[in-house]
N, C-alpha and C. Protein backbone atom coordinates (compact mmCIF):
# COMPACT_ATOMS: atom_id res chain seq x y z
N ASP A 1 88.92 78.13 47.10
CA ASP A 1 88.80 77.41 45.83
C ASP A 1 89.98 77.71 44.91
N ARG A 2 90.37 78.98 44.87
CA ARG A 2 91.51 79.34 44.01
C ARG A 2 92.79 78.67 44.51
N TYR A 3 92.96 78.62 45.82
CA TYR A 3 94.17 78.00 46.37
C TYR A 3 94.21 76.51 46.05
N VAL A 4 93.08 75.83 46.18
CA VAL A 4 93.02 74.40 45.85
C VAL A 4 93.36 74.18 44.38
N ALA A 5 92.85 75.07 43.52
CA ALA A 5 93.14 74.93 42.09
C ALA A 5 94.63 75.15 41.81
N VAL A 6 95.23 76.14 42.47
CA VAL A 6 96.66 76.41 42.26
C VAL A 6 97.50 75.23 42.75
N VAL A 7 97.17 74.69 43.94
CA VAL A 7 97.94 73.57 44.48
C VAL A 7 97.81 72.34 43.58
N THR A 8 96.60 72.08 43.12
CA THR A 8 96.39 70.92 42.24
C THR A 8 97.15 71.07 40.93
N GLY A 9 97.06 72.26 40.33
CA GLY A 9 97.80 72.50 39.09
C GLY A 9 99.31 72.40 39.27
N ALA A 10 99.81 72.94 40.40
CA ALA A 10 101.25 72.88 40.66
C ALA A 10 101.71 71.44 40.85
N SER A 11 100.91 70.64 41.55
CA SER A 11 101.30 69.23 41.76
C SER A 11 101.32 68.47 40.44
N VAL A 12 100.37 68.75 39.55
CA VAL A 12 100.36 68.10 38.24
C VAL A 12 101.58 68.51 37.43
N MET A 13 101.94 69.80 37.49
CA MET A 13 103.11 70.27 36.76
C MET A 13 104.40 69.66 37.31
N VAL A 14 104.49 69.54 38.63
CA VAL A 14 105.66 68.91 39.23
C VAL A 14 105.78 67.46 38.79
N GLY A 15 104.65 66.74 38.83
CA GLY A 15 104.66 65.34 38.40
C GLY A 15 105.06 65.19 36.94
N ALA A 16 104.48 66.04 36.08
CA ALA A 16 104.80 65.94 34.65
C ALA A 16 106.27 66.26 34.38
N THR A 17 106.79 67.27 35.08
CA THR A 17 108.20 67.64 34.90
C THR A 17 109.12 66.51 35.33
N LEU A 18 108.83 65.91 36.48
CA LEU A 18 109.66 64.80 36.95
C LEU A 18 109.58 63.60 36.03
N ILE A 19 108.41 63.36 35.44
CA ILE A 19 108.29 62.24 34.50
C ILE A 19 109.15 62.49 33.26
N LEU A 20 109.10 63.73 32.73
CA LEU A 20 109.90 64.05 31.55
C LEU A 20 111.39 63.92 31.83
N ILE A 21 111.82 64.42 32.99
CA ILE A 21 113.24 64.29 33.34
C ILE A 21 113.60 62.83 33.59
N GLY A 22 112.69 62.10 34.27
CA GLY A 22 112.96 60.70 34.55
C GLY A 22 113.06 59.85 33.30
N MET A 23 112.29 60.20 32.26
CA MET A 23 112.35 59.44 31.01
C MET A 23 113.75 59.50 30.38
N LEU A 24 114.46 60.59 30.64
CA LEU A 24 115.80 60.74 30.07
C LEU A 24 116.86 60.00 30.86
N LEU A 25 116.55 59.66 32.12
CA LEU A 25 117.58 59.09 32.99
C LEU A 25 117.27 57.68 33.45
N PHE A 26 115.99 57.33 33.54
CA PHE A 26 115.60 56.06 34.13
C PHE A 26 114.66 55.31 33.20
N PRO A 27 114.38 54.04 33.53
CA PRO A 27 113.36 53.30 32.78
C PRO A 27 111.98 53.94 32.93
N PRO A 28 111.08 53.71 31.97
CA PRO A 28 109.76 54.38 32.00
C PRO A 28 108.97 54.12 33.28
N ILE A 29 109.00 52.88 33.77
CA ILE A 29 108.22 52.59 34.98
C ILE A 29 108.75 53.37 36.17
N LEU A 30 110.07 53.44 36.31
CA LEU A 30 110.67 54.20 37.41
C LEU A 30 110.40 55.69 37.25
N ALA A 31 110.43 56.18 36.02
CA ALA A 31 110.14 57.60 35.78
C ALA A 31 108.70 57.93 36.17
N LEU A 32 107.77 57.05 35.83
CA LEU A 32 106.37 57.27 36.22
C LEU A 32 106.21 57.24 37.74
N ALA A 33 106.92 56.32 38.39
CA ALA A 33 106.84 56.25 39.85
C ALA A 33 107.41 57.51 40.49
N ILE A 34 108.52 58.02 39.96
CA ILE A 34 109.12 59.25 40.50
C ILE A 34 108.17 60.44 40.29
N GLY A 35 107.58 60.51 39.09
CA GLY A 35 106.65 61.60 38.81
C GLY A 35 105.42 61.56 39.70
N PHE A 36 104.88 60.35 39.90
CA PHE A 36 103.69 60.22 40.77
C PHE A 36 104.04 60.58 42.21
N GLY A 37 105.21 60.10 42.67
CA GLY A 37 105.62 60.43 44.04
C GLY A 37 105.84 61.93 44.23
N GLY A 38 106.49 62.58 43.25
CA GLY A 38 106.69 64.02 43.34
C GLY A 38 105.39 64.79 43.33
N SER A 39 104.43 64.34 42.52
CA SER A 39 103.13 65.01 42.47
C SER A 39 102.39 64.89 43.80
N VAL A 40 102.42 63.69 44.38
CA VAL A 40 101.75 63.49 45.68
C VAL A 40 102.43 64.33 46.76
N PHE A 41 103.76 64.36 46.74
CA PHE A 41 104.50 65.15 47.74
C PHE A 41 104.16 66.64 47.62
N ALA A 42 104.11 67.16 46.38
CA ALA A 42 103.76 68.57 46.18
C ALA A 42 102.33 68.85 46.65
N LEU A 43 101.43 67.90 46.40
CA LEU A 43 100.04 68.09 46.82
C LEU A 43 99.92 68.10 48.34
N LEU A 44 100.61 67.18 49.02
CA LEU A 44 100.58 67.14 50.47
C LEU A 44 101.23 68.39 51.08
N LEU A 45 102.32 68.84 50.45
CA LEU A 45 102.98 70.05 50.94
C LEU A 45 102.07 71.27 50.82
N GLY A 46 101.40 71.39 49.68
CA GLY A 46 100.47 72.51 49.51
C GLY A 46 99.27 72.41 50.44
N ARG A 47 98.83 71.20 50.69
CA ARG A 47 97.68 71.02 51.59
C ARG A 47 98.02 71.40 53.02
N SER A 48 99.25 71.11 53.45
CA SER A 48 99.63 71.39 54.83
C SER A 48 100.04 72.84 55.06
N TYR A 49 100.27 73.60 53.98
CA TYR A 49 100.76 74.97 54.15
C TYR A 49 99.80 75.85 54.95
N PRO A 50 98.49 75.85 54.67
CA PRO A 50 97.60 76.74 55.45
C PRO A 50 97.65 76.46 56.95
N SER A 51 97.65 75.19 57.36
CA SER A 51 97.68 74.89 58.79
C SER A 51 99.02 75.31 59.40
N ARG A 52 100.13 75.11 58.65
CA ARG A 52 101.42 75.56 59.17
C ARG A 52 101.48 77.07 59.27
N ARG A 53 100.85 77.76 58.33
CA ARG A 53 100.80 79.23 58.37
C ARG A 53 99.98 79.72 59.56
N VAL A 54 98.86 79.07 59.81
CA VAL A 54 98.03 79.44 60.96
C VAL A 54 98.78 79.24 62.26
N LYS A 55 99.50 78.12 62.36
CA LYS A 55 100.27 77.84 63.57
C LYS A 55 101.36 78.88 63.80
N ALA A 56 102.05 79.26 62.71
CA ALA A 56 103.11 80.27 62.83
C ALA A 56 102.54 81.62 63.26
N ARG A 57 101.39 82.00 62.72
CA ARG A 57 100.77 83.27 63.11
C ARG A 57 100.29 83.22 64.56
N SER A 58 99.81 82.07 64.99
CA SER A 58 99.35 81.93 66.37
C SER A 58 100.52 82.05 67.35
N ILE A 59 101.66 81.45 67.00
CA ILE A 59 102.84 81.56 67.86
C ILE A 59 103.29 83.01 67.97
N GLU A 60 103.30 83.71 66.84
CA GLU A 60 103.68 85.13 66.87
C GLU A 60 102.68 85.95 67.68
N THR A 61 101.40 85.62 67.57
CA THR A 61 100.37 86.31 68.35
C THR A 61 100.59 86.12 69.83
N ASN A 62 100.85 84.89 70.25
CA ASN A 62 101.05 84.61 71.67
C ASN A 62 102.26 85.33 72.23
N LYS A 63 103.28 85.57 71.40
CA LYS A 63 104.46 86.28 71.87
C LYS A 63 104.18 87.76 72.09
N GLU A 64 103.34 88.34 71.26
CA GLU A 64 103.13 89.78 71.29
C GLU A 64 101.94 90.23 72.14
N ILE A 65 101.03 89.32 72.45
CA ILE A 65 99.78 89.76 73.06
C ILE A 65 99.95 90.38 74.45
N PRO A 66 100.90 89.96 75.31
CA PRO A 66 101.03 90.67 76.59
C PRO A 66 101.37 92.16 76.41
N TYR A 67 102.23 92.48 75.43
CA TYR A 67 102.59 93.87 75.17
C TYR A 67 101.41 94.65 74.61
N VAL A 68 100.62 94.00 73.76
CA VAL A 68 99.44 94.64 73.20
C VAL A 68 98.42 94.95 74.30
N LEU A 69 98.21 94.00 75.21
CA LEU A 69 97.26 94.21 76.29
C LEU A 69 97.69 95.37 77.19
N ARG A 70 98.97 95.45 77.51
CA ARG A 70 99.46 96.56 78.33
C ARG A 70 99.35 97.88 77.58
N HIS A 71 99.61 97.86 76.29
CA HIS A 71 99.47 99.05 75.45
C HIS A 71 98.03 99.56 75.52
N MET A 72 97.08 98.66 75.32
CA MET A 72 95.68 99.06 75.35
C MET A 72 95.26 99.52 76.74
N ALA A 73 95.73 98.83 77.78
CA ALA A 73 95.37 99.22 79.15
C ALA A 73 95.88 100.62 79.46
N THR A 74 97.09 100.95 79.00
CA THR A 74 97.64 102.29 79.23
C THR A 74 96.79 103.36 78.52
N HIS A 75 96.37 103.08 77.30
CA HIS A 75 95.53 104.03 76.57
C HIS A 75 94.18 104.20 77.26
N LEU A 76 93.57 103.09 77.66
CA LEU A 76 92.26 103.18 78.31
C LEU A 76 92.35 103.93 79.64
N SER A 77 93.43 103.73 80.38
CA SER A 77 93.60 104.42 81.67
C SER A 77 93.75 105.92 81.48
N SER A 78 94.30 106.32 80.32
CA SER A 78 94.48 107.76 80.07
C SER A 78 93.27 108.41 79.44
N GLY A 79 92.18 107.65 79.27
CA GLY A 79 90.94 108.22 78.77
C GLY A 79 90.69 108.03 77.29
N ILE A 80 91.56 107.33 76.59
CA ILE A 80 91.37 107.06 75.17
C ILE A 80 90.37 105.92 75.01
N GLY A 81 89.47 106.04 74.04
CA GLY A 81 88.44 105.03 73.84
C GLY A 81 88.98 103.73 73.27
N LEU A 82 88.16 102.70 73.36
CA LEU A 82 88.59 101.38 72.88
C LEU A 82 88.84 101.35 71.37
N PRO A 83 87.96 101.94 70.53
CA PRO A 83 88.26 101.93 69.08
C PRO A 83 89.56 102.66 68.75
N GLU A 84 89.80 103.79 69.41
CA GLU A 84 91.04 104.53 69.16
C GLU A 84 92.25 103.73 69.63
N SER A 85 92.09 103.00 70.73
CA SER A 85 93.18 102.16 71.22
C SER A 85 93.50 101.05 70.24
N MET A 86 92.47 100.42 69.67
CA MET A 86 92.71 99.37 68.68
C MET A 86 93.32 99.94 67.41
N THR A 87 92.92 101.16 67.04
CA THR A 87 93.55 101.82 65.89
C THR A 87 95.04 102.05 66.14
N SER A 88 95.38 102.44 67.37
CA SER A 88 96.79 102.63 67.72
C SER A 88 97.56 101.32 67.61
N ILE A 89 96.95 100.21 68.04
CA ILE A 89 97.61 98.90 67.93
C ILE A 89 97.84 98.55 66.46
N SER A 90 96.85 98.83 65.61
CA SER A 90 96.98 98.49 64.19
C SER A 90 98.10 99.28 63.51
N LYS A 91 98.43 100.45 64.04
CA LYS A 91 99.48 101.27 63.45
C LYS A 91 100.85 101.02 64.10
N ALA A 92 100.88 100.27 65.18
CA ALA A 92 102.13 99.98 65.87
C ALA A 92 102.82 98.78 65.22
N ASP A 93 103.97 98.41 65.78
CA ASP A 93 104.78 97.33 65.19
C ASP A 93 104.61 96.06 66.02
N TYR A 94 103.41 95.47 65.95
CA TYR A 94 103.13 94.23 66.66
C TYR A 94 102.91 93.06 65.72
N GLY A 95 103.40 93.17 64.50
CA GLY A 95 103.34 92.06 63.57
C GLY A 95 101.93 91.62 63.23
N VAL A 96 101.64 90.34 63.46
CA VAL A 96 100.35 89.75 63.10
C VAL A 96 99.21 90.46 63.82
N LEU A 97 99.40 90.81 65.09
CA LEU A 97 98.33 91.46 65.84
C LEU A 97 98.00 92.83 65.27
N SER A 98 98.99 93.57 64.81
CA SER A 98 98.71 94.85 64.17
C SER A 98 97.88 94.65 62.91
N GLU A 99 98.21 93.62 62.13
CA GLU A 99 97.42 93.32 60.93
C GLU A 99 95.98 92.97 61.30
N GLU A 100 95.82 92.11 62.31
CA GLU A 100 94.48 91.66 62.67
C GLU A 100 93.64 92.80 63.29
N PHE A 101 94.26 93.64 64.09
CA PHE A 101 93.51 94.77 64.66
C PHE A 101 93.14 95.76 63.56
N GLY A 102 94.02 95.91 62.56
CA GLY A 102 93.65 96.74 61.42
C GLY A 102 92.46 96.18 60.68
N ARG A 103 92.39 94.86 60.60
CA ARG A 103 91.23 94.24 59.95
C ARG A 103 89.96 94.43 60.77
N VAL A 104 90.09 94.38 62.10
CA VAL A 104 88.94 94.64 62.97
C VAL A 104 88.42 96.05 62.75
N ILE A 105 89.33 97.03 62.66
CA ILE A 105 88.92 98.42 62.42
C ILE A 105 88.22 98.54 61.07
N ARG A 106 88.74 97.87 60.05
CA ARG A 106 88.10 97.93 58.73
C ARG A 106 86.72 97.29 58.76
N ASP A 107 86.58 96.19 59.49
CA ASP A 107 85.27 95.55 59.61
C ASP A 107 84.26 96.48 60.29
N MET A 108 84.72 97.18 61.33
CA MET A 108 83.83 98.11 62.03
C MET A 108 83.43 99.28 61.13
N ARG A 109 84.36 99.75 60.31
CA ARG A 109 84.04 100.86 59.41
C ARG A 109 83.12 100.42 58.28
N SER A 110 83.13 99.12 57.97
CA SER A 110 82.26 98.62 56.90
C SER A 110 80.85 98.30 57.39
N GLY A 111 80.58 98.50 58.70
CA GLY A 111 79.23 98.33 59.21
C GLY A 111 79.06 97.29 60.30
N MET A 112 80.08 96.51 60.60
CA MET A 112 79.98 95.51 61.66
C MET A 112 80.10 96.20 63.02
N SER A 113 79.41 95.64 63.99
CA SER A 113 79.57 96.14 65.36
C SER A 113 80.91 95.66 65.92
N MET A 114 81.35 96.29 67.00
CA MET A 114 82.61 95.89 67.61
C MET A 114 82.54 94.45 68.10
N ASP A 115 81.39 94.07 68.65
CA ASP A 115 81.22 92.70 69.13
C ASP A 115 81.40 91.70 67.99
N GLU A 116 80.77 91.98 66.85
CA GLU A 116 80.87 91.07 65.70
C GLU A 116 82.28 91.04 65.12
N ALA A 117 82.93 92.21 65.05
CA ALA A 117 84.29 92.27 64.51
C ALA A 117 85.27 91.49 65.40
N LEU A 118 85.11 91.61 66.72
CA LEU A 118 85.98 90.86 67.63
C LEU A 118 85.70 89.37 67.57
N ALA A 119 84.42 89.01 67.41
CA ALA A 119 84.09 87.58 67.28
C ALA A 119 84.73 86.99 66.02
N ALA A 120 84.73 87.76 64.92
CA ALA A 120 85.39 87.30 63.69
C ALA A 120 86.89 87.16 63.91
N LEU A 121 87.48 88.09 64.68
CA LEU A 121 88.91 87.98 65.00
C LEU A 121 89.20 86.71 65.79
N SER A 122 88.36 86.39 66.74
CA SER A 122 88.57 85.19 67.56
C SER A 122 88.49 83.92 66.71
N LYS A 123 87.62 83.90 65.70
CA LYS A 123 87.49 82.73 64.85
C LYS A 123 88.68 82.59 63.90
N ARG A 124 89.24 83.72 63.49
CA ARG A 124 90.36 83.67 62.53
C ARG A 124 91.63 83.15 63.16
N MET A 125 91.87 83.47 64.43
CA MET A 125 93.15 83.21 65.07
C MET A 125 93.04 82.05 66.04
N ASP A 126 93.98 81.11 65.94
CA ASP A 126 94.03 79.96 66.85
C ASP A 126 94.95 80.31 68.03
N SER A 127 94.46 81.21 68.89
CA SER A 127 95.24 81.69 70.02
C SER A 127 94.33 81.82 71.23
N GLU A 128 94.58 81.01 72.26
CA GLU A 128 93.74 81.05 73.46
C GLU A 128 93.87 82.38 74.20
N PRO A 129 95.07 82.98 74.38
CA PRO A 129 95.13 84.30 75.03
C PRO A 129 94.32 85.36 74.28
N LEU A 130 94.34 85.31 72.95
CA LEU A 130 93.56 86.27 72.18
C LEU A 130 92.06 86.03 72.36
N ARG A 131 91.66 84.77 72.44
CA ARG A 131 90.25 84.47 72.67
C ARG A 131 89.80 84.98 74.05
N ARG A 132 90.67 84.83 75.05
CA ARG A 132 90.33 85.35 76.38
C ARG A 132 90.18 86.87 76.34
N PHE A 133 91.05 87.53 75.60
CA PHE A 133 90.94 88.99 75.45
C PHE A 133 89.60 89.35 74.82
N VAL A 134 89.22 88.65 73.75
CA VAL A 134 87.95 88.96 73.07
C VAL A 134 86.78 88.73 74.02
N ARG A 135 86.80 87.63 74.78
CA ARG A 135 85.69 87.37 75.70
C ARG A 135 85.59 88.45 76.77
N GLN A 136 86.73 88.91 77.29
CA GLN A 136 86.71 89.95 78.32
C GLN A 136 86.17 91.26 77.77
N VAL A 137 86.59 91.62 76.56
CA VAL A 137 86.09 92.86 75.97
C VAL A 137 84.59 92.76 75.69
N GLN A 138 84.14 91.64 75.15
CA GLN A 138 82.72 91.47 74.88
C GLN A 138 81.90 91.51 76.18
N ARG A 139 82.42 90.89 77.22
CA ARG A 139 81.71 90.91 78.50
C ARG A 139 81.66 92.34 79.07
N THR A 140 82.74 93.07 78.93
CA THR A 140 82.76 94.44 79.44
C THR A 140 81.83 95.33 78.64
N LEU A 141 81.76 95.12 77.33
CA LEU A 141 80.84 95.92 76.52
C LEU A 141 79.38 95.67 76.91
N ARG A 142 79.08 94.45 77.35
CA ARG A 142 77.70 94.14 77.70
C ARG A 142 77.35 94.56 79.13
N THR A 143 78.25 94.34 80.07
CA THR A 143 77.94 94.54 81.48
C THR A 143 78.66 95.74 82.10
N GLY A 144 79.67 96.28 81.43
CA GLY A 144 80.43 97.38 82.00
C GLY A 144 81.57 96.88 82.88
N GLY A 145 82.40 97.82 83.31
CA GLY A 145 83.53 97.47 84.15
C GLY A 145 84.78 98.23 83.73
N ASP A 146 85.81 98.11 84.53
CA ASP A 146 87.08 98.79 84.25
C ASP A 146 87.92 97.89 83.35
N LEU A 147 87.86 98.16 82.05
CA LEU A 147 88.54 97.30 81.09
C LEU A 147 90.06 97.41 81.22
N ALA A 148 90.57 98.58 81.62
CA ALA A 148 92.02 98.75 81.75
C ALA A 148 92.59 97.79 82.79
N ASP A 149 91.94 97.71 83.96
CA ASP A 149 92.41 96.79 85.00
C ASP A 149 92.30 95.34 84.53
N ILE A 150 91.22 95.03 83.83
CA ILE A 150 91.03 93.67 83.33
C ILE A 150 92.14 93.29 82.35
N LEU A 151 92.49 94.21 81.45
CA LEU A 151 93.52 93.92 80.46
C LEU A 151 94.89 93.79 81.12
N ASN A 152 95.17 94.61 82.14
CA ASN A 152 96.43 94.47 82.87
C ASN A 152 96.52 93.11 83.56
N SER A 153 95.42 92.68 84.17
CA SER A 153 95.41 91.37 84.83
C SER A 153 95.58 90.25 83.80
N LEU A 154 94.93 90.41 82.66
CA LEU A 154 95.04 89.40 81.61
C LEU A 154 96.47 89.34 81.06
N ALA A 155 97.12 90.50 80.94
CA ALA A 155 98.51 90.53 80.48
C ALA A 155 99.43 89.82 81.46
N GLU A 156 99.23 90.06 82.75
CA GLU A 156 100.05 89.38 83.76
C GLU A 156 99.82 87.88 83.74
N GLU A 157 98.56 87.48 83.59
CA GLU A 157 98.25 86.05 83.53
C GLU A 157 98.89 85.39 82.32
N THR A 158 98.82 86.05 81.16
CA THR A 158 99.41 85.50 79.95
C THR A 158 100.93 85.42 80.07
N SER A 159 101.55 86.45 80.64
CA SER A 159 103.00 86.44 80.83
C SER A 159 103.42 85.32 81.77
N PHE A 160 102.63 85.10 82.82
CA PHE A 160 102.95 84.02 83.76
C PHE A 160 102.86 82.66 83.08
N GLU A 161 101.84 82.45 82.26
CA GLU A 161 101.70 81.18 81.54
C GLU A 161 102.89 80.98 80.58
N MET A 162 103.32 82.04 79.93
CA MET A 162 104.46 81.93 79.02
C MET A 162 105.73 81.54 79.78
N ARG A 163 105.93 82.15 80.96
CA ARG A 163 107.12 81.80 81.75
C ARG A 163 107.07 80.36 82.21
N MET A 164 105.90 79.87 82.59
CA MET A 164 105.78 78.49 83.03
C MET A 164 106.05 77.52 81.87
N LYS A 165 105.54 77.84 80.69
CA LYS A 165 105.79 76.98 79.54
C LYS A 165 107.27 76.96 79.17
N LEU A 166 107.91 78.12 79.25
CA LEU A 166 109.34 78.16 78.95
C LEU A 166 110.14 77.39 79.98
N ARG A 167 109.72 77.47 81.25
CA ARG A 167 110.42 76.70 82.28
C ARG A 167 110.29 75.21 82.03
N ASP A 168 109.05 74.76 81.74
CA ASP A 168 108.85 73.34 81.46
C ASP A 168 109.63 72.90 80.22
N TYR A 169 109.68 73.78 79.22
CA TYR A 169 110.42 73.44 78.00
C TYR A 169 111.92 73.32 78.29
N THR A 170 112.44 74.20 79.13
CA THR A 170 113.85 74.14 79.48
C THR A 170 114.18 72.84 80.21
N GLN A 171 113.30 72.45 81.13
CA GLN A 171 113.53 71.19 81.84
C GLN A 171 113.47 70.00 80.90
N SER A 172 112.50 70.00 79.98
CA SER A 172 112.41 68.91 79.00
C SER A 172 113.63 68.89 78.10
N LEU A 173 114.13 70.09 77.73
CA LEU A 173 115.29 70.16 76.86
C LEU A 173 116.53 69.61 77.54
N ASN A 174 116.67 69.88 78.84
CA ASN A 174 117.81 69.32 79.57
C ASN A 174 117.76 67.79 79.59
N MET A 175 116.56 67.25 79.81
CA MET A 175 116.43 65.80 79.82
C MET A 175 116.72 65.20 78.45
N LEU A 176 116.20 65.83 77.38
CA LEU A 176 116.44 65.32 76.03
C LEU A 176 117.92 65.41 75.67
N THR A 177 118.59 66.47 76.11
CA THR A 177 120.02 66.60 75.82
C THR A 177 120.82 65.49 76.49
N MET A 178 120.47 65.18 77.73
CA MET A 178 121.16 64.09 78.43
C MET A 178 120.93 62.76 77.73
N MET A 179 119.69 62.53 77.27
CA MET A 179 119.39 61.28 76.57
C MET A 179 120.16 61.19 75.26
N TYR A 180 120.27 62.30 74.54
CA TYR A 180 121.02 62.29 73.27
C TYR A 180 122.50 62.04 73.52
N MET A 181 123.06 62.70 74.54
CA MET A 181 124.47 62.50 74.84
C MET A 181 124.74 61.05 75.25
N PHE A 182 123.81 60.47 76.02
CA PHE A 182 123.97 59.07 76.42
C PHE A 182 123.91 58.15 75.21
N ALA A 183 122.92 58.38 74.33
CA ALA A 183 122.77 57.51 73.16
C ALA A 183 123.95 57.66 72.21
N SER A 184 124.40 58.92 71.99
CA SER A 184 125.52 59.12 71.07
C SER A 184 126.84 58.57 71.62
N SER A 185 126.91 58.36 72.92
CA SER A 185 128.11 57.76 73.51
C SER A 185 128.03 56.24 73.53
N VAL A 186 126.84 55.72 73.79
CA VAL A 186 126.69 54.28 73.93
C VAL A 186 126.70 53.57 72.57
N VAL A 187 126.03 54.16 71.56
CA VAL A 187 125.91 53.48 70.27
C VAL A 187 127.26 53.20 69.63
N PRO A 188 128.19 54.17 69.54
CA PRO A 188 129.51 53.83 68.96
C PRO A 188 130.24 52.75 69.75
N ALA A 189 130.21 52.87 71.08
CA ALA A 189 130.89 51.85 71.90
C ALA A 189 130.25 50.48 71.69
N LEU A 190 128.93 50.43 71.59
CA LEU A 190 128.25 49.16 71.37
C LEU A 190 128.61 48.55 70.02
N LEU A 191 128.72 49.39 68.99
CA LEU A 191 129.10 48.89 67.68
C LEU A 191 130.53 48.36 67.68
N ILE A 192 131.42 49.07 68.37
CA ILE A 192 132.81 48.61 68.45
C ILE A 192 132.90 47.25 69.15
N ILE A 193 132.15 47.11 70.26
CA ILE A 193 132.16 45.84 70.99
C ILE A 193 131.59 44.72 70.13
N MET A 194 130.48 44.99 69.43
CA MET A 194 129.88 43.96 68.59
C MET A 194 130.82 43.56 67.46
N THR A 195 131.51 44.57 66.89
CA THR A 195 132.45 44.26 65.80
C THR A 195 133.61 43.39 66.31
N ALA A 196 134.14 43.75 67.50
CA ALA A 196 135.25 42.99 68.06
C ALA A 196 134.82 41.57 68.39
N VAL A 197 133.64 41.41 68.97
CA VAL A 197 133.16 40.07 69.32
C VAL A 197 132.92 39.24 68.07
N SER A 198 132.32 39.89 67.05
CA SER A 198 132.04 39.16 65.81
C SER A 198 133.33 38.73 65.13
N SER A 199 134.37 39.59 65.14
CA SER A 199 135.65 39.23 64.53
C SER A 199 136.34 38.12 65.31
N GLY A 200 136.21 38.17 66.65
CA GLY A 200 136.85 37.13 67.47
C GLY A 200 136.20 35.78 67.29
N MET A 201 134.90 35.76 67.02
CA MET A 201 134.20 34.49 66.83
C MET A 201 134.42 33.93 65.43
N GLY A 202 134.89 34.78 64.53
CA GLY A 202 135.16 34.29 63.19
C GLY A 202 133.95 34.20 62.31
N GLY A 203 132.83 34.67 62.79
CA GLY A 203 131.62 34.57 61.98
C GLY A 203 131.50 35.65 60.95
N ALA A 204 132.17 36.79 61.17
CA ALA A 204 132.12 37.91 60.24
C ALA A 204 130.71 38.41 59.99
N THR A 205 129.85 38.25 61.00
CA THR A 205 128.49 38.77 60.83
C THR A 205 128.47 40.29 60.84
N LEU A 206 129.45 40.89 61.52
CA LEU A 206 129.54 42.34 61.55
C LEU A 206 131.00 42.73 61.35
N THR A 207 131.36 43.07 60.13
CA THR A 207 132.74 43.43 59.82
C THR A 207 133.03 44.87 60.24
N THR A 208 134.29 45.22 60.19
CA THR A 208 134.69 46.59 60.55
C THR A 208 134.08 47.61 59.59
N GLY A 209 134.06 47.28 58.31
CA GLY A 209 133.47 48.19 57.33
C GLY A 209 131.98 48.39 57.56
N THR A 210 131.28 47.28 57.85
CA THR A 210 129.84 47.38 58.12
C THR A 210 129.58 48.20 59.37
N GLY A 211 130.39 47.99 60.41
CA GLY A 211 130.24 48.78 61.63
C GLY A 211 130.46 50.25 61.40
N ALA A 212 131.46 50.58 60.56
CA ALA A 212 131.73 51.99 60.26
C ALA A 212 130.57 52.63 59.51
N VAL A 213 129.99 51.88 58.56
CA VAL A 213 128.84 52.40 57.81
C VAL A 213 127.65 52.62 58.75
N LEU A 214 127.39 51.63 59.62
CA LEU A 214 126.29 51.78 60.57
C LEU A 214 126.51 52.98 61.49
N LEU A 215 127.75 53.18 61.90
CA LEU A 215 128.06 54.32 62.77
C LEU A 215 127.80 55.65 62.06
N LEU A 216 128.24 55.73 60.80
CA LEU A 216 128.03 56.95 60.03
C LEU A 216 126.55 57.22 59.77
N LEU A 217 125.75 56.17 59.73
CA LEU A 217 124.31 56.35 59.50
C LEU A 217 123.56 56.64 60.80
N MET A 218 123.92 55.97 61.88
CA MET A 218 123.13 56.07 63.10
C MET A 218 123.37 57.37 63.86
N VAL A 219 124.61 57.88 63.85
CA VAL A 219 124.87 59.13 64.58
C VAL A 219 124.10 60.31 63.97
N PRO A 220 124.14 60.52 62.65
CA PRO A 220 123.29 61.60 62.10
C PRO A 220 121.80 61.34 62.33
N LEU A 221 121.38 60.05 62.28
CA LEU A 221 119.98 59.74 62.52
C LEU A 221 119.57 60.12 63.93
N LEU A 222 120.44 59.84 64.91
CA LEU A 222 120.15 60.25 66.29
C LEU A 222 120.04 61.75 66.40
N LEU A 223 120.89 62.48 65.69
CA LEU A 223 120.83 63.94 65.73
C LEU A 223 119.53 64.46 65.12
N VAL A 224 119.11 63.86 64.01
CA VAL A 224 117.86 64.27 63.37
C VAL A 224 116.67 64.01 64.30
N ILE A 225 116.65 62.83 64.91
CA ILE A 225 115.56 62.50 65.85
C ILE A 225 115.56 63.47 67.01
N PHE A 226 116.73 63.81 67.52
CA PHE A 226 116.84 64.76 68.62
C PHE A 226 116.27 66.13 68.23
N LEU A 227 116.65 66.61 67.05
CA LEU A 227 116.18 67.93 66.61
C LEU A 227 114.67 67.94 66.39
N ILE A 228 114.14 66.86 65.81
CA ILE A 228 112.69 66.78 65.60
C ILE A 228 111.95 66.76 66.92
N THR A 229 112.47 66.00 67.90
CA THR A 229 111.84 65.93 69.21
C THR A 229 111.86 67.28 69.91
N VAL A 230 113.00 67.97 69.84
CA VAL A 230 113.12 69.30 70.45
C VAL A 230 112.11 70.26 69.80
N LYS A 231 111.96 70.19 68.49
CA LYS A 231 111.02 71.06 67.81
C LYS A 231 109.59 70.76 68.21
N ARG A 232 109.27 69.50 68.39
CA ARG A 232 107.89 69.14 68.78
C ARG A 232 107.58 69.59 70.20
N PHE A 233 108.57 69.59 71.07
CA PHE A 233 108.36 70.03 72.45
C PHE A 233 108.36 71.55 72.60
N GLU A 234 108.74 72.25 71.56
CA GLU A 234 108.85 73.71 71.64
C GLU A 234 107.49 74.33 71.96
N PRO A 235 107.37 75.17 72.99
CA PRO A 235 106.08 75.73 73.37
C PRO A 235 105.60 76.76 72.36
N ARG A 236 104.31 76.89 72.24
CA ARG A 236 103.72 77.86 71.33
C ARG A 236 103.53 79.19 72.05
N VAL A 237 104.66 79.87 72.35
CA VAL A 237 104.61 81.17 73.01
C VAL A 237 105.40 82.16 72.17
């Protein structure tokens, strides 16, 4: 509720500021349109921030979880208990996972069972490898078993999935690079040919100046589209 109030207030302030500045530079109707557009943009940006933050934390979690699983498996194999192992993770330098394991320890100290604290962790984080870890630990707590071997196997499985995703991403990146190089080579040549044909016909539908402007606009646009596509294909590992 507090975050919604802050975002709403900030968007109103942005809109009002843009309207005041716009009144000094533009006609009133245009100033109002600029202020309204800025307010909506600020509101949408604030609304999307939590989901972008969750995604960033999930990506960081997926990168670190194989090392965390091996860390815990090594502790369990040496006879250290599961709560002590999680405490060790919370004090180590594993970024988001250290923070979340520290929160699990605090939840357990406040009266929650380990099962409940891990279930809360699984709900907080949008990470399938972390959810698999929580399910394995909960199953082992209920039925028993060698958790160290299970965590080692889970770490190997997660690492293998990460390697496969990176391989697929590399192959997609090679294909996208070839497509961009082809488009960036063909578009200028096509504009030159169209300009020459148009000048030879005498119609002047596409002058040299217009072709140059189109070239200056289309090449950066192709680069932007390429970068956005590459970012969208980037694996969450």
